[in-house]
Amino acid sequence: MKVLSVIWEHGPKTVREVHGLISQKETIGYTTVLKFMQIMTGKGFLLRDSSVRPQLFSAAEPQRKTQGLMLRDLVDRAFAGSAGDLALQALSTRKSTPDELREIRALLDELEGECA
């Protein structure tokens, strides 16, 4: 996810540029970043522009869409399809800010309105 986060935040980047940005926060090898980016390209999360040297990698889909797909997969695999269980676990694991809680309440109100 760190690779995708860097590309979503900074736009298309080379492997070296992604490695440099991640390395500012943690120790990680260049070949590790390269392998992650190759795997993510193979899985369709990244696009590789081979028409330029060095190759540029960009996100295949916007951040929100990719996160939604990953979240659906997580709900199915780890929470037996229960979005409610995922939400309860997520909210009990970390503290939310007042702004986040307002957004959560607004979403719950909206979802309740749809069920009525």
PDB file of N, CA and C in Angstrom:
ATOM      1  N   MET A   1       0.819  -1.204   0.000  1.00  0.00           N
ATOM      2  CA  MET A   1       0.000   0.000   0.000  1.00  0.00           C
ATOM      3  C   MET A   1       0.861   1.266   0.000  1.00  0.00           C
ATOM      4  N   LYS A   2       2.053   1.185   0.565  1.00  0.00           N
ATOM      5  CA  LYS A   2       2.898   2.378   0.598  1.00  0.00           C
ATOM      6  C   LYS A   2       3.255   2.832  -0.804  1.00  0.00           C
ATOM      7  N   VAL A   3       3.514   1.871  -1.681  1.00  0.00           N
ATOM      8  CA  VAL A   3       3.836   2.212  -3.069  1.00  0.00           C
ATOM      9  C   VAL A   3       2.660   2.941  -3.703  1.00  0.00           C
ATOM     10  N   LEU A   4       1.467   2.391  -3.557  1.00  0.00           N
ATOM     11  CA  LEU A   4       0.281   3.044  -4.120  1.00  0.00           C
ATOM     12  C   LEU A   4       0.063   4.413  -3.496  1.00  0.00           C
ATOM     13  N   SER A   5       0.247   4.519  -2.198  1.00  0.00           N
ATOM     14  CA  SER A   5       0.057   5.808  -1.525  1.00  0.00           C
ATOM     15  C   SER A   5       0.993   6.870  -2.089  1.00  0.00           C
ATOM     16  N   VAL A   6       2.245   6.490  -2.330  1.00  0.00           N
ATOM     17  CA  VAL A   6       3.219   7.432  -2.899  1.00  0.00           C
ATOM     18  C   VAL A   6       2.762   7.881  -4.282  1.00  0.00           C
ATOM     19  N   ILE A   7       2.330   6.949  -5.107  1.00  0.00           N
ATOM     20  CA  ILE A   7       1.926   7.291  -6.475  1.00  0.00           C
ATOM     21  C   ILE A   7       0.634   8.099  -6.477  1.00  0.00           C
ATOM     22  N   TRP A   8      -0.309   7.763  -5.610  1.00  0.00           N
ATOM     23  CA  TRP A   8      -1.535   8.568  -5.528  1.00  0.00           C
ATOM     24  C   TRP A   8      -1.202   9.996  -5.099  1.00  0.00           C
ATOM     25  N   GLU A   9      -0.293  10.134  -4.166  1.00  0.00           N
ATOM     26  CA  GLU A   9       0.043  11.462  -3.641  1.00  0.00           C
ATOM     27  C   GLU A   9       0.912  12.276  -4.599  1.00  0.00           C
ATOM     28  N   HIS A  10       1.857  11.619  -5.266  1.00  0.00           N
ATOM     29  CA  HIS A  10       2.853  12.350  -6.058  1.00  0.00           C
ATOM     30  C   HIS A  10       2.714  12.183  -7.568  1.00  0.00           C
ATOM     31  N   GLY A  11       1.806  11.330  -8.020  1.00  0.00           N
ATOM     32  CA  GLY A  11       1.655  11.113  -9.456  1.00  0.00           C
ATOM     33  C   GLY A  11       2.644  10.085  -9.980  1.00  0.00           C
ATOM     34  N   PRO A  12       2.697   9.906 -11.307  1.00  0.00           N
ATOM     35  CA  PRO A  12       3.573   8.889 -11.903  1.00  0.00           C
ATOM     36  C   PRO A  12       5.027   9.055 -11.462  1.00  0.00           C
ATOM     37  N   LYS A  13       5.642   7.936 -11.123  1.00  0.00           N
ATOM     38  CA  LYS A  13       7.019   7.942 -10.614  1.00  0.00           C
ATOM     39  C   LYS A  13       7.782   6.728 -11.127  1.00  0.00           C
ATOM     40  N   THR A  14       9.105   6.860 -11.138  1.00  0.00           N
ATOM     41  CA  THR A  14       9.975   5.727 -11.431  1.00  0.00           C
ATOM     42  C   THR A  14      10.147   4.904 -10.153  1.00  0.00           C
ATOM     43  N   VAL A  15      10.688   3.703 -10.303  1.00  0.00           N
ATOM     44  CA  VAL A  15      10.962   2.869  -9.125  1.00  0.00           C
ATOM     45  C   VAL A  15      11.916   3.603  -8.184  1.00  0.00           C
ATOM     46  N   ARG A  16      12.947   4.224  -8.735  1.00  0.00           N
ATOM     47  CA  ARG A  16      13.931   4.939  -7.915  1.00  0.00           C
ATOM     48  C   ARG A  16      13.266   6.074  -7.124  1.00  0.00           C
ATOM     49  N   GLU A  17      12.357   6.807  -7.770  1.00  0.00           N
ATOM     50  CA  GLU A  17      11.677   7.908  -7.077  1.00  0.00           C
ATOM     51  C   GLU A  17      10.780   7.386  -5.959  1.00  0.00           C
ATOM     52  N   VAL A  18      10.046   6.305  -6.230  1.00  0.00           N
ATOM     53  CA  VAL A  18       9.185   5.714  -5.194  1.00  0.00           C
ATOM     54  C   VAL A  18      10.053   5.223  -4.034  1.00  0.00           C
ATOM     55  N   HIS A  19      11.147   4.547  -4.359  1.00  0.00           N
ATOM     56  CA  HIS A  19      12.063   4.068  -3.324  1.00  0.00           C
ATOM     57  C   HIS A  19      12.582   5.232  -2.479  1.00  0.00           C
ATOM     58  N   GLY A  20      12.973   6.313  -3.137  1.00  0.00           N
ATOM     59  CA  GLY A  20      13.481   7.478  -2.413  1.00  0.00           C
ATOM     60  C   GLY A  20      12.460   8.070  -1.461  1.00  0.00           C
ATOM     61  N   LEU A  21      11.216   8.156  -1.892  1.00  0.00           N
ATOM     62  CA  LEU A  21      10.169   8.733  -1.040  1.00  0.00           C
ATOM     63  C   LEU A  21       9.838   7.819   0.141  1.00  0.00           C
ATOM     64  N   ILE A  22       9.746   6.519  -0.099  1.00  0.00           N
ATOM     65  CA  ILE A  22       9.461   5.594   1.002  1.00  0.00           C
ATOM     66  C   ILE A  22      10.641   5.552   1.973  1.00  0.00           C
ATOM     67  N   SER A  23      11.863   5.603   1.440  1.00  0.00           N
ATOM     68  CA  SER A  23      13.078   5.526   2.270  1.00  0.00           C
ATOM     69  C   SER A  23      13.229   6.706   3.218  1.00  0.00           C
ATOM     70  N   GLN A  24      12.538   7.800   2.952  1.00  0.00           N
ATOM     71  CA  GLN A  24      12.591   8.938   3.869  1.00  0.00           C
ATOM     72  C   GLN A  24      11.947   8.603   5.210  1.00  0.00           C
ATOM     73  N   LYS A  25      11.030   7.616   5.206  1.00  0.00           N
ATOM     74  CA  LYS A  25      10.291   7.279   6.422  1.00  0.00           C
ATOM     75  C   LYS A  25      10.672   5.931   7.016  1.00  0.00           C
ATOM     76  N   GLU A  26      11.191   5.034   6.187  1.00  0.00           N
ATOM     77  CA  GLU A  26      11.548   3.704   6.682  1.00  0.00           C
ATOM     78  C   GLU A  26      12.645   3.095   5.816  1.00  0.00           C
ATOM     79  N   THR A  27      13.326   2.107   6.372  1.00  0.00           N
ATOM     80  CA  THR A  27      14.379   1.425   5.631  1.00  0.00           C
ATOM     81  C   THR A  27      13.749   0.340   4.766  1.00  0.00           C
ATOM     82  N   ILE A  28      14.002   0.424   3.465  1.00  0.00           N
ATOM     83  CA  ILE A  28      13.492  -0.573   2.527  1.00  0.00           C
ATOM     84  C   ILE A  28      14.450  -0.630   1.343  1.00  0.00           C
ATOM     85  N   GLY A  29      14.692  -1.812   0.852  1.00  0.00           N
ATOM     86  CA  GLY A  29      15.619  -1.983  -0.258  1.00  0.00           C
ATOM     87  C   GLY A  29      15.004  -1.592  -1.592  1.00  0.00           C
ATOM     88  N   TYR A  30      15.850  -1.130  -2.497  1.00  0.00           N
ATOM     89  CA  TYR A  30      15.406  -0.770  -3.845  1.00  0.00           C
ATOM     90  C   TYR A  30      14.756  -1.968  -4.536  1.00  0.00           C
ATOM     91  N   THR A  31      15.385  -3.146  -4.420  1.00  0.00           N
ATOM     92  CA  THR A  31      14.838  -4.321  -5.104  1.00  0.00           C
ATOM     93  C   THR A  31      13.501  -4.759  -4.508  1.00  0.00           C
ATOM     94  N   THR A  32      13.293  -4.484  -3.233  1.00  0.00           N
ATOM     95  CA  THR A  32      12.003  -4.786  -2.605  1.00  0.00           C
ATOM     96  C   THR A  32      10.914  -3.912  -3.211  1.00  0.00           C
ATOM     97  N   VAL A  33      11.192  -2.620  -3.354  1.00  0.00           N
ATOM     98  CA  VAL A  33      10.229  -1.703  -3.972  1.00  0.00           C
ATOM     99  C   VAL A  33       9.975  -2.123  -5.417  1.00  0.00           C
ATOM    100  N   LEU A  34      11.032  -2.454  -6.144  1.00  0.00           N
ATOM    101  CA  LEU A  34      10.893  -2.904  -7.529  1.00  0.00           C
ATOM    102  C   LEU A  34       9.981  -4.120  -7.610  1.00  0.00           C
ATOM    103  N   LYS A  35      10.202  -5.109  -6.749  1.00  0.00           N
ATOM    104  CA  LYS A  35       9.391  -6.329  -6.766  1.00  0.00           C
ATOM    105  C   LYS A  35       7.933  -6.018  -6.449  1.00  0.00           C
ATOM    106  N   PHE A  36       7.692  -5.183  -5.431  1.00  0.00           N
ATOM    107  CA  PHE A  36       6.321  -4.785  -5.105  1.00  0.00           C
ATOM    108  C   PHE A  36       5.648  -4.143  -6.316  1.00  0.00           C
ATOM    109  N   MET A  37       6.374  -3.269  -6.995  1.00  0.00           N
ATOM    110  CA  MET A  37       5.794  -2.562  -8.137  1.00  0.00           C
ATOM    111  C   MET A  37       5.534  -3.513  -9.301  1.00  0.00           C
ATOM    112  N   GLN A  38       6.393  -4.507  -9.492  1.00  0.00           N
ATOM    113  CA  GLN A  38       6.152  -5.511 -10.528  1.00  0.00           C
ATOM    114  C   GLN A  38       4.911  -6.338 -10.203  1.00  0.00           C
ATOM    115  N   ILE A  39       4.782  -6.738  -8.958  1.00  0.00           N
ATOM    116  CA  ILE A  39       3.610  -7.514  -8.534  1.00  0.00           C
ATOM    117  C   ILE A  39       2.340  -6.683  -8.698  1.00  0.00           C
ATOM    118  N   MET A  40       2.384  -5.418  -8.262  1.00  0.00           N
ATOM    119  CA  MET A  40       1.202  -4.554  -8.359  1.00  0.00           C
ATOM    120  C   MET A  40       0.826  -4.283  -9.811  1.00  0.00           C
ATOM    121  N   THR A  41       1.812  -4.227 -10.691  1.00  0.00           N
ATOM    122  CA  THR A  41       1.533  -4.069 -12.116  1.00  0.00           C
ATOM    123  C   THR A  41       0.850  -5.331 -12.635  1.00  0.00           C
ATOM    124  N   GLY A  42       1.361  -6.484 -12.247  1.00  0.00           N
ATOM    125  CA  GLY A  42       0.769  -7.756 -12.662  1.00  0.00           C
ATOM    126  C   GLY A  42      -0.651  -7.939 -12.176  1.00  0.00           C
ATOM    127  N   LYS A  43      -0.955  -7.402 -11.002  1.00  0.00           N
ATOM    128  CA  LYS A  43      -2.305  -7.515 -10.438  1.00  0.00           C
ATOM    129  C   LYS A  43      -3.241  -6.418 -10.922  1.00  0.00           C
ATOM    130  N   GLY A  44      -2.720  -5.481 -11.714  1.00  0.00           N
ATOM    131  CA  GLY A  44      -3.565  -4.440 -12.282  1.00  0.00           C
ATOM    132  C   GLY A  44      -3.723  -3.189 -11.442  1.00  0.00           C
ATOM    133  N   PHE A  45      -2.943  -3.060 -10.366  1.00  0.00           N
ATOM    134  CA  PHE A  45      -3.032  -1.861  -9.533  1.00  0.00           C
ATOM    135  C   PHE A  45      -2.204  -0.707 -10.094  1.00  0.00           C
ATOM    136  N   LEU A  46      -1.119  -1.041 -10.797  1.00  0.00           N
ATOM    137  CA  LEU A  46      -0.252  -0.025 -11.395  1.00  0.00           C
ATOM    138  C   LEU A  46      -0.184  -0.221 -12.901  1.00  0.00           C
ATOM    139  N   LEU A  47       0.054   0.873 -13.604  1.00  0.00           N
ATOM    140  CA  LEU A  47       0.310   0.846 -15.041  1.00  0.00           C
ATOM    141  C   LEU A  47       1.760   1.237 -15.257  1.00  0.00           C
ATOM    142  N   ARG A  48       2.424   0.569 -16.219  1.00  0.00           N
ATOM    143  CA  ARG A  48       3.830   0.859 -16.500  1.00  0.00           C
ATOM    144  C   ARG A  48       3.934   1.470 -17.894  1.00  0.00           C
ATOM    145  N   ASP A  49       4.576   2.629 -17.987  1.00  0.00           N
ATOM    146  CA  ASP A  49       4.824   3.288 -19.271  1.00  0.00           C
ATOM    147  C   ASP A  49       6.234   2.917 -19.716  1.00  0.00           C
ATOM    148  N   SER A  50       6.309   1.966 -20.641  1.00  0.00           N
ATOM    149  CA  SER A  50       7.610   1.488 -21.124  1.00  0.00           C
ATOM    150  C   SER A  50       8.145   2.314 -22.279  1.00  0.00           C
ATOM    151  N   SER A  51       7.391   3.328 -22.701  1.00  0.00           N
ATOM    152  CA  SER A  51       7.832   4.150 -23.833  1.00  0.00           C
ATOM    153  C   SER A  51       8.890   5.169 -23.421  1.00  0.00           C
ATOM    154  N   VAL A  52       9.088   5.325 -22.126  1.00  0.00           N
ATOM    155  CA  VAL A  52      10.106   6.257 -21.622  1.00  0.00           C
ATOM    156  C   VAL A  52      11.098   5.484 -20.762  1.00  0.00           C
ATOM    157  N   ARG A  53      12.301   6.011 -20.644  1.00  0.00           N
ATOM    158  CA  ARG A  53      13.328   5.413 -19.793  1.00  0.00           C
ATOM    159  C   ARG A  53      13.814   6.446 -18.807  1.00  0.00           C
ATOM    160  N   PRO A  54      13.859   6.171 -17.538  1.00  0.00           N
ATOM    161  CA  PRO A  54      13.369   4.950 -16.923  1.00  0.00           C
ATOM    162  C   PRO A  54      11.843   4.886 -16.972  1.00  0.00           C
ATOM    163  N   GLN A  55      11.319   3.676 -16.838  1.00  0.00           N
ATOM    164  CA  GLN A  55       9.878   3.466 -16.922  1.00  0.00           C
ATOM    165  C   GLN A  55       9.154   4.218 -15.814  1.00  0.00           C
ATOM    166  N   LEU A  56       7.987   4.748 -16.177  1.00  0.00           N
ATOM    167  CA  LEU A  56       7.139   5.441 -15.204  1.00  0.00           C
ATOM    168  C   LEU A  56       5.975   4.543 -14.819  1.00  0.00           C
ATOM    169  N   PHE A  57       5.638   4.562 -13.546  1.00  0.00           N
ATOM    170  CA  PHE A  57       4.503   3.804 -13.042  1.00  0.00           C
ATOM    171  C   PHE A  57       3.441   4.779 -12.555  1.00  0.00           C
ATOM    172  N   SER A  58       2.190   4.463 -12.855  1.00  0.00           N
ATOM    173  CA  SER A  58       1.075   5.293 -12.392  1.00  0.00           C
ATOM    174  C   SER A  58      -0.022   4.379 -11.855  1.00  0.00           C
ATOM    175  N   ALA A  59      -0.929   4.955 -11.101  1.00  0.00           N
ATOM    176  CA  ALA A  59      -2.045   4.188 -10.549  1.00  0.00           C
ATOM    177  C   ALA A  59      -3.013   3.833 -11.672  1.00  0.00           C
ATOM    178  N   ALA A  60      -3.480   2.593 -11.671  1.00  0.00           N
ATOM    179  CA  ALA A  60      -4.421   2.144 -12.694  1.00  0.00           C
ATOM    180  C   ALA A  60      -5.809   2.733 -12.452  1.00  0.00           C
ATOM    181  N   GLU A  61      -6.149   2.967 -11.205  1.00  0.00           N
ATOM    182  CA  GLU A  61      -7.461   3.500 -10.830  1.00  0.00           C
ATOM    183  C   GLU A  61      -7.284   4.571  -9.756  1.00  0.00           C
ATOM    184  N   PRO A  62      -8.277   5.443  -9.600  1.00  0.00           N
ATOM    185  CA  PRO A  62      -8.212   6.439  -8.523  1.00  0.00           C
ATOM    186  C   PRO A  62      -8.153   5.763  -7.144  1.00  0.00           C
ATOM    187  N   GLN A  63      -7.625   6.479  -6.190  1.00  0.00           N
ATOM    188  CA  GLN A  63      -7.438   5.954  -4.838  1.00  0.00           C
ATOM    189  C   GLN A  63      -8.734   5.410  -4.247  1.00  0.00           C
ATOM    190  N   ARG A  64      -9.801   6.175  -4.326  1.00  0.00           N
ATOM    191  CA  ARG A  64     -11.073   5.787  -3.707  1.00  0.00           C
ATOM    192  C   ARG A  64     -11.590   4.463  -4.271  1.00  0.00           C
ATOM    193  N   LYS A  65     -11.490   4.315  -5.595  1.00  0.00           N
ATOM    194  CA  LYS A  65     -11.986   3.093  -6.236  1.00  0.00           C
ATOM    195  C   LYS A  65     -11.158   1.878  -5.813  1.00  0.00           C
ATOM    196  N   THR A  66      -9.840   2.014  -5.815  1.00  0.00           N
ATOM    197  CA  THR A  66      -8.965   0.907  -5.428  1.00  0.00           C
ATOM    198  C   THR A  66      -9.191   0.529  -3.971  1.00  0.00           C
ATOM    199  N   GLN A  67      -9.300   1.517  -3.103  1.00  0.00           N
ATOM    200  CA  GLN A  67      -9.543   1.229  -1.690  1.00  0.00           C
ATOM    201  C   GLN A  67     -10.875   0.513  -1.504  1.00  0.00           C
ATOM    202  N   GLY A  68     -11.880   0.915  -2.265  1.00  0.00           N
ATOM    203  CA  GLY A  68     -13.183   0.256  -2.188  1.00  0.00           C
ATOM    204  C   GLY A  68     -13.104  -1.209  -2.589  1.00  0.00           C
ATOM    205  N   LEU A  69     -12.382  -1.496  -3.667  1.00  0.00           N
ATOM    206  CA  LEU A  69     -12.218  -2.882  -4.115  1.00  0.00           C
ATOM    207  C   LEU A  69     -11.464  -3.712  -3.082  1.00  0.00           C
ATOM    208  N   MET A  70     -10.410  -3.129  -2.515  1.00  0.00           N
ATOM    209  CA  MET A  70      -9.629  -3.839  -1.497  1.00  0.00           C
ATOM    210  C   MET A  70     -10.457  -4.076  -0.239  1.00  0.00           C
ATOM    211  N   LEU A  71     -11.256  -3.101   0.111  1.00  0.00           N
ATOM    212  CA  LEU A  71     -12.085  -3.215   1.306  1.00  0.00           C
ATOM    213  C   LEU A  71     -13.154  -4.288   1.129  1.00  0.00           C
ATOM    214  N   ARG A  72     -13.780  -4.325  -0.056  1.00  0.00           N
ATOM    215  CA  ARG A  72     -14.773  -5.368  -0.321  1.00  0.00           C
ATOM    216  C   ARG A  72     -14.144  -6.756  -0.195  1.00  0.00           C
ATOM    217  N   ASP A  73     -12.936  -6.894  -0.726  1.00  0.00           N
ATOM    218  CA  ASP A  73     -12.227  -8.169  -0.639  1.00  0.00           C
ATOM    219  C   ASP A  73     -11.930  -8.519   0.820  1.00  0.00           C
ATOM    220  N   LEU A  74     -11.488  -7.533   1.602  1.00  0.00           N
ATOM    221  CA  LEU A  74     -11.208  -7.755   3.022  1.00  0.00           C
ATOM    222  C   LEU A  74     -12.475  -8.158   3.779  1.00  0.00           C
ATOM    223  N   VAL A  75     -13.574  -7.476   3.519  1.00  0.00           N
ATOM    224  CA  VAL A  75     -14.847  -7.802   4.178  1.00  0.00           C
ATOM    225  C   VAL A  75     -15.232  -9.246   3.869  1.00  0.00           C
ATOM    226  N   ASP A  76     -15.109  -9.628   2.607  1.00  0.00           N
ATOM    227  CA  ASP A  76     -15.480 -10.991   2.214  1.00  0.00           C
ATOM    228  C   ASP A  76     -14.572 -12.037   2.854  1.00  0.00           C
ATOM    229  N   ARG A  77     -13.262 -11.790   2.840  1.00  0.00           N
ATOM    230  CA  ARG A  77     -12.319 -12.812   3.297  1.00  0.00           C
ATOM    231  C   ARG A  77     -12.143 -12.859   4.809  1.00  0.00           C
ATOM    232  N   ALA A  78     -12.115 -11.707   5.462  1.00  0.00           N
ATOM    233  CA  ALA A  78     -11.793 -11.681   6.894  1.00  0.00           C
ATOM    234  C   ALA A  78     -13.010 -11.515   7.800  1.00  0.00           C
ATOM    235  N   PHE A  79     -14.122 -11.028   7.240  1.00  0.00           N
ATOM    236  CA  PHE A  79     -15.288 -10.749   8.079  1.00  0.00           C
ATOM    237  C   PHE A  79     -16.546 -11.442   7.572  1.00  0.00           C
ATOM    238  N   ALA A  80     -16.368 -12.512   6.806  1.00  0.00           N
ATOM    239  CA  ALA A  80     -17.483 -13.326   6.297  1.00  0.00           C
ATOM    240  C   ALA A  80     -18.563 -12.476   5.636  1.00  0.00           C
ATOM    241  N   GLY A  81     -18.154 -11.414   4.964  1.00  0.00           N
ATOM    242  CA  GLY A  81     -19.094 -10.568   4.238  1.00  0.00           C
ATOM    243  C   GLY A  81     -19.806  -9.523   5.078  1.00  0.00           C
ATOM    244  N   SER A  82     -19.453  -9.400   6.349  1.00  0.00           N
ATOM    245  CA  SER A  82     -20.140  -8.460   7.239  1.00  0.00           C
ATOM    246  C   SER A  82     -19.400  -7.125   7.328  1.00  0.00           C
ATOM    247  N   ALA A  83     -19.928  -6.126   6.637  1.00  0.00           N
ATOM    248  CA  ALA A  83     -19.348  -4.781   6.707  1.00  0.00           C
ATOM    249  C   ALA A  83     -19.502  -4.215   8.119  1.00  0.00           C
ATOM    250  N   GLY A  84     -20.582  -4.582   8.791  1.00  0.00           N
ATOM    251  CA  GLY A  84     -20.805  -4.124  10.161  1.00  0.00           C
ATOM    252  C   GLY A  84     -19.716  -4.605  11.107  1.00  0.00           C
ATOM    253  N   ASP A  85     -19.341  -5.883  10.980  1.00  0.00           N
ATOM    254  CA  ASP A  85     -18.265  -6.418  11.824  1.00  0.00           C
ATOM    255  C   ASP A  85     -16.949  -5.699  11.554  1.00  0.00           C
ATOM    256  N   LEU A  86     -16.681  -5.427  10.280  1.00  0.00           N
ATOM    257  CA  LEU A  86     -15.459  -4.689   9.934  1.00  0.00           C
ATOM    258  C   LEU A  86     -15.478  -3.305  10.571  1.00  0.00           C
ATOM    259  N   ALA A  87     -16.609  -2.605  10.462  1.00  0.00           N
ATOM    260  CA  ALA A  87     -16.717  -1.251  11.014  1.00  0.00           C
ATOM    261  C   ALA A  87     -16.531  -1.264  12.531  1.00  0.00           C
ATOM    262  N   LEU A  88     -17.175  -2.211  13.207  1.00  0.00           N
ATOM    263  CA  LEU A  88     -17.038  -2.298  14.662  1.00  0.00           C
ATOM    264  C   LEU A  88     -15.590  -2.572  15.063  1.00  0.00           C
ATOM    265  N   GLN A  89     -14.945  -3.481  14.360  1.00  0.00           N
ATOM    266  CA  GLN A  89     -13.548  -3.801  14.665  1.00  0.00           C
ATOM    267  C   GLN A  89     -12.650  -2.595  14.412  1.00  0.00           C
ATOM    268  N   ALA A  90     -12.860  -1.934  13.285  1.00  0.00           N
ATOM    269  CA  ALA A  90     -12.031  -0.772  12.936  1.00  0.00           C
ATOM    270  C   ALA A  90     -12.204   0.349  13.959  1.00  0.00           C
ATOM    271  N   LEU A  91     -13.433   0.615  14.359  1.00  0.00           N
ATOM    272  CA  LEU A  91     -13.690   1.706  15.301  1.00  0.00           C
ATOM    273  C   LEU A  91     -13.194   1.393  16.710  1.00  0.00           C
ATOM    274  N   SER A  92     -13.136   0.118  17.063  1.00  0.00           N
ATOM    275  CA  SER A  92     -12.661  -0.228  18.406  1.00  0.00           C
ATOM    276  C   SER A  92     -11.139  -0.363  18.465  1.00  0.00           C
ATOM    277  N   THR A  93     -10.493  -0.399  17.315  1.00  0.00           N
ATOM    278  CA  THR A  93      -9.047  -0.584  17.264  1.00  0.00           C
ATOM    279  C   THR A  93      -8.276   0.719  17.425  1.00  0.00           C
ATOM    280  N   ARG A  94      -8.785   1.796  16.850  1.00  0.00           N
ATOM    281  CA  ARG A  94      -8.101   3.096  16.878  1.00  0.00           C
ATOM    282  C   ARG A  94      -9.085   4.188  17.258  1.00  0.00           C
ATOM    283  N   LYS A  95      -8.553   5.236  17.878  1.00  0.00           N
ATOM    284  CA  LYS A  95      -9.394   6.387  18.216  1.00  0.00           C
ATOM    285  C   LYS A  95      -9.724   7.175  16.967  1.00  0.00           C
ATOM    286  N   SER A  96     -10.958   7.650  16.899  1.00  0.00           N
ATOM    287  CA  SER A  96     -11.385   8.496  15.788  1.00  0.00           C
ATOM    288  C   SER A  96     -11.387   9.945  16.237  1.00  0.00           C
ATOM    289  N   THR A  97     -11.147  10.846  15.289  1.00  0.00           N
ATOM    290  CA  THR A  97     -11.208  12.275  15.588  1.00  0.00           C
ATOM    291  C   THR A  97     -12.672  12.702  15.620  1.00  0.00           C
ATOM    292  N   PRO A  98     -12.973  13.843  16.234  1.00  0.00           N
ATOM    293  CA  PRO A  98     -14.351  14.336  16.215  1.00  0.00           C
ATOM    294  C   PRO A  98     -14.891  14.499  14.788  1.00  0.00           C
ATOM    295  N   ASP A  99     -14.061  14.963  13.867  1.00  0.00           N
ATOM    296  CA  ASP A  99     -14.506  15.101  12.475  1.00  0.00           C
ATOM    297  C   ASP A  99     -14.844  13.746  11.864  1.00  0.00           C
ATOM    298  N   GLU A 100     -14.014  12.754  12.132  1.00  0.00           N
ATOM    299  CA  GLU A 100     -14.295  11.413  11.608  1.00  0.00           C
ATOM    300  C   GLU A 100     -15.596  10.871  12.184  1.00  0.00           C
ATOM    301  N   LEU A 101     -15.814  11.086  13.479  1.00  0.00           N
ATOM    302  CA  LEU A 101     -17.051  10.613  14.103  1.00  0.00           C
ATOM    303  C   LEU A 101     -18.276  11.296  13.500  1.00  0.00           C
ATOM    304  N   ARG A 102     -18.165  12.594  13.187  1.00  0.00           N
ATOM    305  CA  ARG A 102     -19.278  13.297  12.531  1.00  0.00           C
ATOM    306  C   ARG A 102     -19.564  12.683  11.162  1.00  0.00           C
ATOM    307  N   GLU A 103     -18.507  12.391  10.411  1.00  0.00           N
ATOM    308  CA  GLU A 103     -18.683  11.773   9.092  1.00  0.00           C
ATOM    309  C   GLU A 103     -19.330  10.395   9.218  1.00  0.00           C
ATOM    310  N   ILE A 104     -18.910   9.630  10.213  1.00  0.00           N
ATOM    311  CA  ILE A 104     -19.479   8.297  10.441  1.00  0.00           C
ATOM    312  C   ILE A 104     -20.953   8.407  10.798  1.00  0.00           C
ATOM    313  N   ARG A 105     -21.292   9.352  11.687  1.00  0.00           N
ATOM    314  CA  ARG A 105     -22.704   9.540  12.067  1.00  0.00           C
ATOM    315  C   ARG A 105     -23.552   9.949  10.866  1.00  0.00           C
ATOM    316  N   ALA A 106     -23.016  10.842  10.049  1.00  0.00           N
ATOM    317  CA  ALA A 106     -23.747  11.288   8.855  1.00  0.00           C
ATOM    318  C   ALA A 106     -23.980  10.115   7.909  1.00  0.00           C
ATOM    319  N   LEU A 107     -22.984   9.280   7.729  1.00  0.00           N
ATOM    320  CA  LEU A 107     -23.138   8.113   6.860  1.00  0.00           C
ATOM    321  C   LEU A 107     -24.157   7.143   7.440  1.00  0.00           C
ATOM    322  N   LEU A 108     -24.101   6.911   8.746  1.00  0.00           N
ATOM    323  CA  LEU A 108     -25.077   6.025   9.383  1.00  0.00           C
ATOM    324  C   LEU A 108     -26.494   6.565   9.236  1.00  0.00           C
ATOM    325  N   ASP A 109     -26.668   7.877   9.418  1.00  0.00           N
ATOM    326  CA  ASP A 109     -27.989   8.489   9.236  1.00  0.00           C
ATOM    327  C   ASP A 109     -28.483   8.291   7.808  1.00  0.00           C
ATOM    328  N   GLU A 110     -27.582   8.479   6.854  1.00  0.00           N
ATOM    329  CA  GLU A 110     -27.938   8.303   5.442  1.00  0.00           C
ATOM    330  C   GLU A 110     -28.335   6.851   5.159  1.00  0.00           C
ATOM    331  N   LEU A 111     -27.565   5.913   5.690  1.00  0.00           N
ATOM    332  CA  LEU A 111     -27.859   4.495   5.472  1.00  0.00           C
ATOM    333  C   LEU A 111     -29.161   4.085   6.147  1.00  0.00           C
ATOM    334  N   GLU A 112     -29.428   4.628   7.334  1.00  0.00           N
ATOM    335  CA  GLU A 112     -30.698   4.341   8.009  1.00  0.00           C
ATOM    336  C   GLU A 112     -31.870   4.856   7.194  1.00  0.00           C
ATOM    337  N   GLY A 113     -31.710   6.036   6.599  1.00  0.00           N
ATOM    338  CA  GLY A 113     -32.757   6.602   5.752  1.00  0.00           C
ATOM    339  C   GLY A 113     -33.045   5.731   4.545  1.00  0.00           C
ATOM    340  N   GLU A 114     -32.018   5.101   3.996  1.00  0.00           N
ATOM    341  CA  GLU A 114     -32.197   4.216   2.842  1.00  0.00           C
ATOM    342  C   GLU A 114     -32.916   2.934   3.224  1.00  0.00           C
ATOM    343  N   CYS A 115     -32.743   2.488   4.480  1.00  0.00           N
ATOM    344  CA  CYS A 115     -33.375   1.245   4.934  1.00  0.00           C
ATOM    345  C   CYS A 115     -34.840   1.443   5.309  1.00  0.00           C
ATOM    346  N   ALA A 116     -35.210   2.679   5.630  1.00  0.00           N
ATOM    347  CA  ALA A 116     -36.579   2.950   6.106  1.00  0.00           C
ATOM    348  C   ALA A 116     -37.590   2.911   4.988  1.00  0.00           C
TER     349      ALA A 116
END
